[in-house]
Amino acid sequence: MAIVLDFEKPVIELEKKIAELQKFTNDEDLDLTVEINRINVRLEKLKKDIFTNLTSWQKVQLSRHPDRPYTLDYIDLLTEEFIEIHGDRHYGDDRALLTGFATIGGRKLILIGHQKGREMKENLERNFGCAHPEGYRKAMRVMKMAEKYDLPVVAFIDTPGAYPGIGAEERGQAEAIAYNLREMAGLTIPILIFVIGEGGSGGALGIGVGDKIFVLENAYYSVISPEGCAAILWRENSKTPAAATALKLTAPELLELGIIDGMISEPLGGAHRDPEYTANEIKKTILKSIEELSRFTPEEMVDVRYEKYRKIGVYKEG
């Protein structure tokens, strides 16, 4: 059964009504075109009213929608070719993080991304998109390979956070993320970051240092989840929406703060309503950004990236 968010219900009800009328038209050979068109007009207005005025918490909910496209979905929609690379050559292969060679618009590159599951069995295999240390070490192994062959890196972030279990801590979760932060800062190749769903904490940052950072319209990027923030500051789950607002984690807010470089538009209702449209917007951004970054020498690339991150967090008190 499809999950429907509270604010989506009026839209879903109208869509069901239209589907029923269309079925009745086909079954009974009646022409209900005028009625269907009238409801369609109402539907489009309703969708615009709801989805252009979402709160921060509603956007977080939409970023977690179970029908939302994941990394593998974008690989299918974006790439002409994808060859997955497995294992970190230290411990094992983390299925919560995908890596591999890809071709997009004729451009060869390395693609990295968190991957969640569609049902419980796959979610357990993918650890709900929460990577272990071996996932981050695999990602860095592949990024070093990209540097060796002078290939751009594209990273898709979609995780509530890095896995916090005992095994992950024993194998050096914090060290693996910290190592990636340092090494990504010094890579001499273009690095593009796309937050396609959840961008939670160090789990996102572990593959999140780049020359350009983009967040999808209904995704979020934050130092902590709204639930975690509410638990720490207020010790009340009911404060989660307030925490989401306070964290300024939506794409427009992050853009205004200078933390990201752009927002990728989604169709009304979210990326899952038209994955092809969203994938095409991402593809255009990838190709345009690689073209822009290709004018820098390797040394300039590192310097420009350094300056980019030095500017983040600068503010003036009014």
C-alpha atoms as a PDB file:
ATOM      1  CA  MET A   1       0.000   0.000   0.000  1.00  0.00           C
ATOM      2  CA  ALA A   2       1.385   3.411  -1.022  1.00  0.00           C
ATOM      3  CA  ILE A   3       2.235   5.794   1.799  1.00  0.00           C
ATOM      4  CA  VAL A   4       0.448   9.149   1.588  1.00  0.00           C
ATOM      5  CA  LEU A   5       1.713  12.124   3.577  1.00  0.00           C
ATOM      6  CA  ASP A   6      -0.925  14.215   5.380  1.00  0.00           C
ATOM      7  CA  PHE A   7      -0.468  17.277   3.168  1.00  0.00           C
ATOM      8  CA  GLU A   8      -0.694  15.091   0.032  1.00  0.00           C
ATOM      9  CA  LYS A   9      -4.139  13.669   0.869  1.00  0.00           C
ATOM     10  CA  PRO A  10      -6.282  16.358  -0.856  1.00  0.00           C
ATOM     11  CA  VAL A  11      -4.229  15.910  -4.051  1.00  0.00           C
ATOM     12  CA  ILE A  12      -4.458  12.115  -3.945  1.00  0.00           C
ATOM     13  CA  GLU A  13      -8.239  12.269  -3.411  1.00  0.00           C
ATOM     14  CA  LEU A  14      -8.721  14.458  -6.498  1.00  0.00           C
ATOM     15  CA  GLU A  15      -6.438  12.219  -8.571  1.00  0.00           C
ATOM     16  CA  LYS A  16      -8.496   9.191  -7.521  1.00  0.00           C
ATOM     17  CA  LYS A  17     -11.685  11.022  -8.493  1.00  0.00           C
ATOM     18  CA  ILE A  18     -10.282  11.741 -11.963  1.00  0.00           C
ATOM     19  CA  ALA A  19      -9.179   8.120 -12.366  1.00  0.00           C
ATOM     20  CA  GLU A  20     -12.667   6.911 -11.367  1.00  0.00           C
ATOM     21  CA  LEU A  21     -14.357   9.227 -13.874  1.00  0.00           C
ATOM     22  CA  GLN A  22     -11.993   8.126 -16.654  1.00  0.00           C
ATOM     23  CA  LYS A  23     -12.695   4.469 -15.851  1.00  0.00           C
ATOM     24  CA  PHE A  24     -16.436   5.147 -15.797  1.00  0.00           C
ATOM     25  CA  THR A  25     -16.113   6.912 -19.172  1.00  0.00           C
ATOM     26  CA  ASN A  26     -14.377   3.898 -20.680  1.00  0.00           C
ATOM     27  CA  ASP A  27     -16.662   1.297 -19.119  1.00  0.00           C
ATOM     28  CA  GLU A  28     -19.984   3.035 -19.746  1.00  0.00           C
ATOM     29  CA  ASP A  29     -19.075   4.767 -23.020  1.00  0.00           C
ATOM     30  CA  LEU A  30     -20.063   8.176 -21.611  1.00  0.00           C
ATOM     31  CA  ASP A  31     -18.361  11.474 -22.379  1.00  0.00           C
ATOM     32  CA  LEU A  32     -17.329  13.096 -19.090  1.00  0.00           C
ATOM     33  CA  THR A  33     -14.544  15.209 -20.598  1.00  0.00           C
ATOM     34  CA  VAL A  34     -15.951  18.510 -19.307  1.00  0.00           C
ATOM     35  CA  GLU A  35     -16.177  17.234 -15.724  1.00  0.00           C
ATOM     36  CA  ILE A  36     -12.711  15.660 -15.886  1.00  0.00           C
ATOM     37  CA  ASN A  37     -11.180  18.853 -17.264  1.00  0.00           C
ATOM     38  CA  ARG A  38     -12.860  20.916 -14.546  1.00  0.00           C
ATOM     39  CA  ILE A  39     -11.408  18.682 -11.816  1.00  0.00           C
ATOM     40  CA  ASN A  40      -7.984  18.748 -13.517  1.00  0.00           C
ATOM     41  CA  VAL A  41      -7.967  22.545 -13.297  1.00  0.00           C
ATOM     42  CA  ARG A  42      -8.834  22.285  -9.593  1.00  0.00           C
ATOM     43  CA  LEU A  43      -6.123  19.674  -9.144  1.00  0.00           C
ATOM     44  CA  GLU A  44      -3.371  21.783 -10.708  1.00  0.00           C
ATOM     45  CA  LYS A  45      -4.330  24.789  -8.585  1.00  0.00           C
ATOM     46  CA  LEU A  46      -4.407  22.649  -5.440  1.00  0.00           C
ATOM     47  CA  LYS A  47      -0.993  21.117  -6.203  1.00  0.00           C
ATOM     48  CA  LYS A  48       0.484  24.567  -6.737  1.00  0.00           C
ATOM     49  CA  ASP A  49      -1.049  25.907  -3.510  1.00  0.00           C
ATOM     50  CA  ILE A  50       0.235  22.967  -1.449  1.00  0.00           C
ATOM     51  CA  PHE A  51       3.637  22.190  -2.934  1.00  0.00           C
ATOM     52  CA  THR A  52       4.876  25.759  -3.382  1.00  0.00           C
ATOM     53  CA  ASN A  53       4.164  26.562   0.273  1.00  0.00           C
ATOM     54  CA  LEU A  54       5.634  23.573   2.080  1.00  0.00           C
ATOM     55  CA  THR A  55       7.124  24.047   5.540  1.00  0.00           C
ATOM     56  CA  SER A  56      10.667  22.875   6.289  1.00  0.00           C
ATOM     57  CA  TRP A  57       9.330  19.794   8.071  1.00  0.00           C
ATOM     58  CA  GLN A  58       7.042  18.922   5.169  1.00  0.00           C
ATOM     59  CA  LYS A  59      10.034  19.095   2.818  1.00  0.00           C
ATOM     60  CA  VAL A  60      11.932  16.732   5.128  1.00  0.00           C
ATOM     61  CA  GLN A  61       8.981  14.328   4.962  1.00  0.00           C
ATOM     62  CA  LEU A  62       8.944  14.594   1.168  1.00  0.00           C
ATOM     63  CA  SER A  63      12.704  13.936   1.027  1.00  0.00           C
ATOM     64  CA  ARG A  64      12.009  10.601   2.749  1.00  0.00           C
ATOM     65  CA  HIS A  65       9.068   9.622   0.549  1.00  0.00           C
ATOM     66  CA  PRO A  66       9.363   5.862  -0.160  1.00  0.00           C
ATOM     67  CA  ASP A  67       8.622   6.408  -3.870  1.00  0.00           C
ATOM     68  CA  ARG A  68      11.335   9.038  -4.265  1.00  0.00           C
ATOM     69  CA  PRO A  69      14.071   8.114  -6.801  1.00  0.00           C
ATOM     70  CA  TYR A  70      17.248   6.688  -5.264  1.00  0.00           C
ATOM     71  CA  THR A  71      20.777   6.569  -6.675  1.00  0.00           C
ATOM     72  CA  LEU A  72      20.119   3.387  -8.697  1.00  0.00           C
ATOM     73  CA  ASP A  73      17.036   4.989 -10.239  1.00  0.00           C
ATOM     74  CA  TYR A  74      19.090   7.976 -11.361  1.00  0.00           C
ATOM     75  CA  ILE A  75      21.788   5.655 -12.682  1.00  0.00           C
ATOM     76  CA  ASP A  76      19.145   3.997 -14.880  1.00  0.00           C
ATOM     77  CA  LEU A  77      17.788   7.365 -16.041  1.00  0.00           C
ATOM     78  CA  LEU A  78      21.054   9.288 -16.430  1.00  0.00           C
ATOM     79  CA  THR A  79      23.786   6.963 -17.594  1.00  0.00           C
ATOM     80  CA  GLU A  80      24.543   5.336 -20.912  1.00  0.00           C
ATOM     81  CA  GLU A  81      26.812   2.919 -19.063  1.00  0.00           C
ATOM     82  CA  PHE A  82      27.540   2.052 -15.424  1.00  0.00           C
ATOM     83  CA  ILE A  83      30.095  -0.459 -14.140  1.00  0.00           C
ATOM     84  CA  GLU A  84      29.883  -0.932 -10.377  1.00  0.00           C
ATOM     85  CA  ILE A  85      33.049  -1.234  -8.296  1.00  0.00           C
ATOM     86  CA  HIS A  86      32.909  -3.262  -5.077  1.00  0.00           C
ATOM     87  CA  GLY A  87      34.920  -3.420  -1.870  1.00  0.00           C
ATOM     88  CA  ASP A  88      37.306  -1.223   0.117  1.00  0.00           C
ATOM     89  CA  ARG A  89      40.237  -3.717   0.050  1.00  0.00           C
ATOM     90  CA  HIS A  90      40.356  -3.516   3.848  1.00  0.00           C
ATOM     91  CA  TYR A  91      37.242  -5.183   5.209  1.00  0.00           C
ATOM     92  CA  GLY A  92      34.349  -5.699   2.805  1.00  0.00           C
ATOM     93  CA  ASP A  93      31.760  -4.242   0.452  1.00  0.00           C
ATOM     94  CA  ASP A  94      29.180  -1.850   1.883  1.00  0.00           C
ATOM     95  CA  ARG A  95      25.951  -2.030  -0.128  1.00  0.00           C
ATOM     96  CA  ALA A  96      24.693   1.235   1.410  1.00  0.00           C
ATOM     97  CA  LEU A  97      27.190   3.088  -0.806  1.00  0.00           C
ATOM     98  CA  LEU A  98      27.436   2.476  -4.558  1.00  0.00           C
ATOM     99  CA  THR A  99      30.513   3.344  -6.593  1.00  0.00           C
ATOM    100  CA  GLY A 100      31.428   2.839 -10.216  1.00  0.00           C
ATOM    101  CA  PHE A 101      32.448   4.093 -13.639  1.00  0.00           C
ATOM    102  CA  ALA A 102      29.647   5.893 -15.497  1.00  0.00           C
ATOM    103  CA  THR A 103      29.025   7.649 -18.793  1.00  0.00           C
ATOM    104  CA  ILE A 104      26.601  10.603 -18.835  1.00  0.00           C
ATOM    105  CA  GLY A 105      25.994  12.552 -22.031  1.00  0.00           C
ATOM    106  CA  GLY A 106      29.087  10.959 -23.522  1.00  0.00           C
ATOM    107  CA  ARG A 107      31.199  12.170 -20.584  1.00  0.00           C
ATOM    108  CA  LYS A 108      33.073   9.488 -18.610  1.00  0.00           C
ATOM    109  CA  LEU A 109      33.125   9.967 -14.843  1.00  0.00           C
ATOM    110  CA  ILE A 110      33.050   8.263 -11.453  1.00  0.00           C
ATOM    111  CA  LEU A 111      29.666   8.068  -9.745  1.00  0.00           C
ATOM    112  CA  ILE A 112      29.183   7.535  -6.003  1.00  0.00           C
ATOM    113  CA  GLY A 113      25.918   7.454  -4.071  1.00  0.00           C
ATOM    114  CA  HIS A 114      24.026   6.241  -1.037  1.00  0.00           C
ATOM    115  CA  GLN A 115      21.396   3.612  -1.794  1.00  0.00           C
ATOM    116  CA  LYS A 116      18.301   2.796   0.273  1.00  0.00           C
ATOM    117  CA  GLY A 117      16.012  -0.184  -0.243  1.00  0.00           C
ATOM    118  CA  ARG A 118      12.468  -0.312  -1.584  1.00  0.00           C
ATOM    119  CA  GLU A 119      11.234  -3.008   0.809  1.00  0.00           C
ATOM    120  CA  MET A 120      12.372  -4.421   4.141  1.00  0.00           C
ATOM    121  CA  LYS A 121      14.689  -7.136   2.808  1.00  0.00           C
ATOM    122  CA  GLU A 122      16.568  -4.711   0.555  1.00  0.00           C
ATOM    123  CA  ASN A 123      16.605  -2.030   3.256  1.00  0.00           C
ATOM    124  CA  LEU A 124      18.296  -4.472   5.604  1.00  0.00           C
ATOM    125  CA  GLU A 125      20.838  -5.345   2.893  1.00  0.00           C
ATOM    126  CA  ARG A 126      21.436  -1.661   2.181  1.00  0.00           C
ATOM    127  CA  ASN A 127      21.287  -0.719   5.872  1.00  0.00           C
ATOM    128  CA  PHE A 128      18.635   1.937   5.129  1.00  0.00           C
ATOM    129  CA  GLY A 129      21.278   3.948   3.257  1.00  0.00           C
ATOM    130  CA  CYS A 130      23.464   4.311   6.376  1.00  0.00           C
ATOM    131  CA  ALA A 131      27.042   3.569   5.331  1.00  0.00           C
ATOM    132  CA  HIS A 132      29.684   1.723   7.362  1.00  0.00           C
ATOM    133  CA  PRO A 133      33.397   2.692   7.400  1.00  0.00           C
ATOM    134  CA  GLU A 134      34.059   0.280   4.537  1.00  0.00           C
ATOM    135  CA  GLY A 135      31.572   2.251   2.439  1.00  0.00           C
ATOM    136  CA  TYR A 136      33.472   5.494   2.914  1.00  0.00           C
ATOM    137  CA  ARG A 137      36.800   3.740   2.340  1.00  0.00           C
ATOM    138  CA  LYS A 138      35.442   2.191  -0.845  1.00  0.00           C
ATOM    139  CA  ALA A 139      34.281   5.638  -1.981  1.00  0.00           C
ATOM    140  CA  MET A 140      37.724   7.120  -1.366  1.00  0.00           C
ATOM    141  CA  ARG A 141      39.447   4.209  -3.139  1.00  0.00           C
ATOM    142  CA  VAL A 142      37.331   4.912  -6.206  1.00  0.00           C
ATOM    143  CA  MET A 143      37.857   8.683  -5.971  1.00  0.00           C
ATOM    144  CA  LYS A 144      41.627   8.120  -5.948  1.00  0.00           C
ATOM    145  CA  MET A 145      41.115   6.008  -9.053  1.00  0.00           C
ATOM    146  CA  ALA A 146      39.204   8.917 -10.610  1.00  0.00           C
ATOM    147  CA  GLU A 147      42.127  11.224  -9.876  1.00  0.00           C
ATOM    148  CA  LYS A 148      44.564   8.741 -11.440  1.00  0.00           C
ATOM    149  CA  TYR A 149      42.561   8.619 -14.683  1.00  0.00           C
ATOM    150  CA  ASP A 150      41.562  12.314 -14.600  1.00  0.00           C
ATOM    151  CA  LEU A 151      37.822  11.648 -14.325  1.00  0.00           C
ATOM    152  CA  PRO A 152      35.271  13.948 -12.638  1.00  0.00           C
ATOM    153  CA  VAL A 153      33.429  12.636  -9.566  1.00  0.00           C
ATOM    154  CA  VAL A 154      29.662  12.931  -9.114  1.00  0.00           C
ATOM    155  CA  ALA A 155      28.289  12.055  -5.660  1.00  0.00           C
ATOM    156  CA  PHE A 156      24.622  11.485  -4.803  1.00  0.00           C
ATOM    157  CA  ILE A 157      23.852  11.983  -1.109  1.00  0.00           C
ATOM    158  CA  ASP A 158      20.773  10.318   0.384  1.00  0.00           C
ATOM    159  CA  THR A 159      21.276   9.166   3.957  1.00  0.00           C
ATOM    160  CA  PRO A 160      19.880   9.926   7.421  1.00  0.00           C
ATOM    161  CA  GLY A 161      23.478   9.565   8.664  1.00  0.00           C
ATOM    162  CA  ALA A 162      26.407   7.184   8.935  1.00  0.00           C
ATOM    163  CA  TYR A 163      25.666   3.896  10.698  1.00  0.00           C
ATOM    164  CA  PRO A 164      26.245   4.387  14.476  1.00  0.00           C
ATOM    165  CA  GLY A 165      26.485   0.708  15.482  1.00  0.00           C
ATOM    166  CA  ILE A 166      29.220  -0.876  17.608  1.00  0.00           C
ATOM    167  CA  GLY A 167      30.755  -2.726  14.660  1.00  0.00           C
ATOM    168  CA  ALA A 168      31.028   0.470  12.633  1.00  0.00           C
ATOM    169  CA  GLU A 169      32.650   2.279  15.554  1.00  0.00           C
ATOM    170  CA  GLU A 170      35.092  -0.599  16.085  1.00  0.00           C
ATOM    171  CA  ARG A 171      36.137  -0.375  12.428  1.00  0.00           C
ATOM    172  CA  GLY A 172      36.737   3.380  12.626  1.00  0.00           C
ATOM    173  CA  GLN A 173      33.606   5.165  11.441  1.00  0.00           C
ATOM    174  CA  ALA A 174      34.708   8.639  12.559  1.00  0.00           C
ATOM    175  CA  GLU A 175      38.225   8.167  11.184  1.00  0.00           C
ATOM    176  CA  ALA A 176      36.910   6.985   7.801  1.00  0.00           C
ATOM    177  CA  ILE A 177      34.693  10.072   7.446  1.00  0.00           C
ATOM    178  CA  ALA A 178      37.413  12.457   8.654  1.00  0.00           C
ATOM    179  CA  TYR A 179      39.918  10.897   6.246  1.00  0.00           C
ATOM    180  CA  ASN A 180      37.504  11.405   3.343  1.00  0.00           C
ATOM    181  CA  LEU A 181      36.974  15.052   4.285  1.00  0.00           C
ATOM    182  CA  ARG A 182      40.706  15.673   4.190  1.00  0.00           C
ATOM    183  CA  GLU A 183      41.409  13.712   1.033  1.00  0.00           C
ATOM    184  CA  MET A 184      38.448  15.076  -0.962  1.00  0.00           C
ATOM    185  CA  ALA A 185      39.612  18.603  -0.168  1.00  0.00           C
ATOM    186  CA  GLY A 186      42.869  17.896  -1.989  1.00  0.00           C
ATOM    187  CA  LEU A 187      41.704  15.896  -5.020  1.00  0.00           C
ATOM    188  CA  THR A 188      42.786  17.539  -8.280  1.00  0.00           C
ATOM    189  CA  ILE A 189      39.655  16.616 -10.254  1.00  0.00           C
ATOM    190  CA  PRO A 190      36.163  18.207 -10.439  1.00  0.00           C
ATOM    191  CA  ILE A 191      33.809  16.974  -7.692  1.00  0.00           C
ATOM    192  CA  LEU A 192      30.054  17.578  -7.961  1.00  0.00           C
ATOM    193  CA  ILE A 193      27.741  16.890  -5.017  1.00  0.00           C
ATOM    194  CA  PHE A 194      23.981  16.339  -5.335  1.00  0.00           C
ATOM    195  CA  VAL A 195      21.755  15.905  -2.271  1.00  0.00           C
ATOM    196  CA  ILE A 196      18.895  13.908  -3.789  1.00  0.00           C
ATOM    197  CA  GLY A 197      16.968  13.097  -0.597  1.00  0.00           C
ATOM    198  CA  GLU A 198      18.238  13.124   2.959  1.00  0.00           C
ATOM    199  CA  GLY A 199      21.543  14.844   3.661  1.00  0.00           C
ATOM    200  CA  GLY A 200      22.138  13.907   7.258  1.00  0.00           C
ATOM    201  CA  SER A 201      25.168  14.740   9.396  1.00  0.00           C
ATOM    202  CA  GLY A 202      28.618  13.166   8.908  1.00  0.00           C
ATOM    203  CA  GLY A 203      27.057  10.407   6.854  1.00  0.00           C
ATOM    204  CA  ALA A 204      26.443  12.993   4.135  1.00  0.00           C
ATOM    205  CA  LEU A 205      29.731  14.837   4.617  1.00  0.00           C
ATOM    206  CA  GLY A 206      31.725  11.617   4.146  1.00  0.00           C
ATOM    207  CA  ILE A 207      31.190  11.978   0.377  1.00  0.00           C
ATOM    208  CA  GLY A 208      30.154  15.643   0.459  1.00  0.00           C
ATOM    209  CA  VAL A 209      33.256  17.798  -0.102  1.00  0.00           C
ATOM    210  CA  GLY A 210      33.048  19.198  -3.620  1.00  0.00           C
ATOM    211  CA  ASP A 211      33.575  22.095  -5.995  1.00  0.00           C
ATOM    212  CA  LYS A 212      29.849  22.547  -6.490  1.00  0.00           C
ATOM    213  CA  ILE A 213      27.061  21.398  -4.168  1.00  0.00           C
ATOM    214  CA  PHE A 214      23.465  21.138  -5.360  1.00  0.00           C
ATOM    215  CA  VAL A 215      20.363  20.232  -3.340  1.00  0.00           C
ATOM    216  CA  LEU A 216      17.121  19.058  -4.902  1.00  0.00           C
ATOM    217  CA  GLU A 217      14.132  21.281  -4.238  1.00  0.00           C
ATOM    218  CA  ASN A 218      12.533  18.888  -1.747  1.00  0.00           C
ATOM    219  CA  ALA A 219      15.716  17.462  -0.218  1.00  0.00           C
ATOM    220  CA  TYR A 220      17.477  18.645   2.933  1.00  0.00           C
ATOM    221  CA  TYR A 221      21.092  19.045   4.087  1.00  0.00           C
ATOM    222  CA  SER A 222      21.748  19.353   7.810  1.00  0.00           C
ATOM    223  CA  VAL A 223      24.218  18.750  10.621  1.00  0.00           C
ATOM    224  CA  ILE A 224      21.552  16.678  12.403  1.00  0.00           C
ATOM    225  CA  SER A 225      18.069  15.336  11.708  1.00  0.00           C
ATOM    226  CA  PRO A 226      15.118  17.416  12.960  1.00  0.00           C
ATOM    227  CA  GLU A 227      14.169  14.548  15.303  1.00  0.00           C
ATOM    228  CA  GLY A 228      17.683  14.449  16.771  1.00  0.00           C
ATOM    229  CA  CYS A 229      17.739  18.222  17.207  1.00  0.00           C
ATOM    230  CA  ALA A 230      14.340  18.213  18.952  1.00  0.00           C
ATOM    231  CA  ALA A 231      15.461  15.421  21.274  1.00  0.00           C
ATOM    232  CA  ILE A 232      18.630  17.292  22.294  1.00  0.00           C
ATOM    233  CA  LEU A 233      17.244  20.826  22.617  1.00  0.00           C
ATOM    234  CA  TRP A 234      13.697  20.231  23.882  1.00  0.00           C
ATOM    235  CA  ARG A 235      13.554  16.514  24.703  1.00  0.00           C
ATOM    236  CA  GLU A 236      10.181  16.488  22.979  1.00  0.00           C
ATOM    237  CA  ASN A 237       9.321  14.767  19.708  1.00  0.00           C
ATOM    238  CA  SER A 238       6.498  17.269  19.179  1.00  0.00           C
ATOM    239  CA  LYS A 239       9.154  19.969  18.607  1.00  0.00           C
ATOM    240  CA  THR A 240      10.450  18.242  15.461  1.00  0.00           C
ATOM    241  CA  PRO A 241       8.754  20.703  13.015  1.00  0.00           C
ATOM    242  CA  ALA A 242      10.172  23.639  15.000  1.00  0.00           C
ATOM    243  CA  ALA A 243      13.628  22.042  14.869  1.00  0.00           C
ATOM    244  CA  ALA A 244      13.362  21.637  11.083  1.00  0.00           C
ATOM    245  CA  THR A 245      12.590  25.350  10.763  1.00  0.00           C
ATOM    246  CA  ALA A 246      15.408  26.394  13.105  1.00  0.00           C
ATOM    247  CA  LEU A 247      18.006  24.266  11.303  1.00  0.00           C
ATOM    248  CA  LYS A 248      17.499  26.113   7.972  1.00  0.00           C
ATOM    249  CA  LEU A 249      18.015  22.869   6.090  1.00  0.00           C
ATOM    250  CA  THR A 250      16.031  23.449   2.889  1.00  0.00           C
ATOM    251  CA  ALA A 251      17.624  24.252  -0.476  1.00  0.00           C
ATOM    252  CA  PRO A 252      16.505  27.946  -0.656  1.00  0.00           C
ATOM    253  CA  GLU A 253      17.799  28.588   2.878  1.00  0.00           C
ATOM    254  CA  LEU A 254      21.115  26.816   2.213  1.00  0.00           C
ATOM    255  CA  LEU A 255      21.517  28.801  -1.003  1.00  0.00           C
ATOM    256  CA  GLU A 256      20.872  32.079   0.820  1.00  0.00           C
ATOM    257  CA  LEU A 257      23.462  31.140   3.476  1.00  0.00           C
ATOM    258  CA  GLY A 258      26.058  30.396   0.788  1.00  0.00           C
ATOM    259  CA  ILE A 259      26.461  26.755   1.786  1.00  0.00           C
ATOM    260  CA  ILE A 260      25.356  25.336  -1.567  1.00  0.00           C
ATOM    261  CA  ASP A 261      25.781  26.460  -5.167  1.00  0.00           C
ATOM    262  CA  GLY A 262      22.346  25.724  -6.564  1.00  0.00           C
ATOM    263  CA  MET A 263      18.916  24.155  -6.218  1.00  0.00           C
ATOM    264  CA  ILE A 264      17.667  21.520  -8.658  1.00  0.00           C
ATOM    265  CA  SER A 265      13.980  21.961  -9.457  1.00  0.00           C
ATOM    266  CA  GLU A 266      11.517  19.114  -9.012  1.00  0.00           C
ATOM    267  CA  PRO A 267       8.051  18.595 -10.482  1.00  0.00           C
ATOM    268  CA  LEU A 268       5.127  19.700  -8.317  1.00  0.00           C
ATOM    269  CA  GLY A 269       4.646  17.068  -5.642  1.00  0.00           C
ATOM    270  CA  GLY A 270       8.226  15.825  -5.602  1.00  0.00           C
ATOM    271  CA  ALA A 271      10.793  14.008  -7.731  1.00  0.00           C
ATOM    272  CA  HIS A 272       8.843  10.724  -7.556  1.00  0.00           C
ATOM    273  CA  ARG A 273       6.006  12.246  -9.589  1.00  0.00           C
ATOM    274  CA  ASP A 274       8.242  12.696 -12.635  1.00  0.00           C
ATOM    275  CA  PRO A 275      11.669  11.049 -12.143  1.00  0.00           C
ATOM    276  CA  GLU A 276      12.595  11.609 -15.806  1.00  0.00           C
ATOM    277  CA  TYR A 277      12.171  15.380 -15.438  1.00  0.00           C
ATOM    278  CA  THR A 278      14.294  15.463 -12.272  1.00  0.00           C
ATOM    279  CA  ALA A 279      16.992  13.250 -13.829  1.00  0.00           C
ATOM    280  CA  ASN A 280      17.154  15.541 -16.858  1.00  0.00           C
ATOM    281  CA  GLU A 281      17.626  18.599 -14.612  1.00  0.00           C
ATOM    282  CA  ILE A 282      20.465  16.804 -12.812  1.00  0.00           C
ATOM    283  CA  LYS A 283      22.044  15.738 -16.113  1.00  0.00           C
ATOM    284  CA  LYS A 284      22.039  19.300 -17.465  1.00  0.00           C
ATOM    285  CA  THR A 285      23.642  20.536 -14.246  1.00  0.00           C
ATOM    286  CA  ILE A 286      26.329  17.814 -14.312  1.00  0.00           C
ATOM    287  CA  LEU A 287      27.383  18.524 -17.892  1.00  0.00           C
ATOM    288  CA  LYS A 288      27.310  22.309 -17.467  1.00  0.00           C
ATOM    289  CA  SER A 289      29.283  22.183 -14.190  1.00  0.00           C
ATOM    290  CA  ILE A 290      31.971  19.856 -15.541  1.00  0.00           C
ATOM    291  CA  GLU A 291      32.390  22.184 -18.506  1.00  0.00           C
ATOM    292  CA  GLU A 292      32.783  25.180 -16.176  1.00  0.00           C
ATOM    293  CA  LEU A 293      35.293  23.415 -13.916  1.00  0.00           C
ATOM    294  CA  SER A 294      37.371  22.060 -16.787  1.00  0.00           C
ATOM    295  CA  ARG A 295      38.971  25.484 -17.288  1.00  0.00           C
ATOM    296  CA  PHE A 296      40.890  25.164 -13.993  1.00  0.00           C
ATOM    297  CA  THR A 297      44.272  23.506 -13.725  1.00  0.00           C
ATOM    298  CA  PRO A 298      44.576  20.780 -11.028  1.00  0.00           C
ATOM    299  CA  GLU A 299      46.348  23.224  -8.700  1.00  0.00           C
ATOM    300  CA  GLU A 300      43.726  25.920  -9.258  1.00  0.00           C
ATOM    301  CA  MET A 301      40.958  23.376  -8.609  1.00  0.00           C
ATOM    302  CA  VAL A 302      42.275  22.692  -5.108  1.00  0.00           C
ATOM    303  CA  ASP A 303      42.784  26.409  -4.363  1.00  0.00           C
ATOM    304  CA  VAL A 304      39.278  27.371  -5.514  1.00  0.00           C
ATOM    305  CA  ARG A 305      37.741  24.536  -3.458  1.00  0.00           C
ATOM    306  CA  TYR A 306      39.726  25.669  -0.408  1.00  0.00           C
ATOM    307  CA  GLU A 307      38.487  29.244  -0.767  1.00  0.00           C
ATOM    308  CA  LYS A 308      34.916  28.021  -1.236  1.00  0.00           C
ATOM    309  CA  TYR A 309      34.924  26.267   2.130  1.00  0.00           C
ATOM    310  CA  ARG A 310      36.739  29.106   3.889  1.00  0.00           C
ATOM    311  CA  LYS A 311      33.785  31.368   3.055  1.00  0.00           C
ATOM    312  CA  ILE A 312      31.124  29.065   4.494  1.00  0.00           C
ATOM    313  CA  GLY A 313      29.936  30.206   7.904  1.00  0.00           C
ATOM    314  CA  VAL A 314      30.956  33.857   7.509  1.00  0.00           C
ATOM    315  CA  TYR A 315      28.165  36.176   8.647  1.00  0.00           C
ATOM    316  CA  LYS A 316      27.477  39.688   9.886  1.00  0.00           C
ATOM    317  CA  GLU A 317      25.416  40.645  12.917  1.00  0.00           C
ATOM    318  CA  GLY A 318      22.865  43.341  12.183  1.00  0.00           C
END
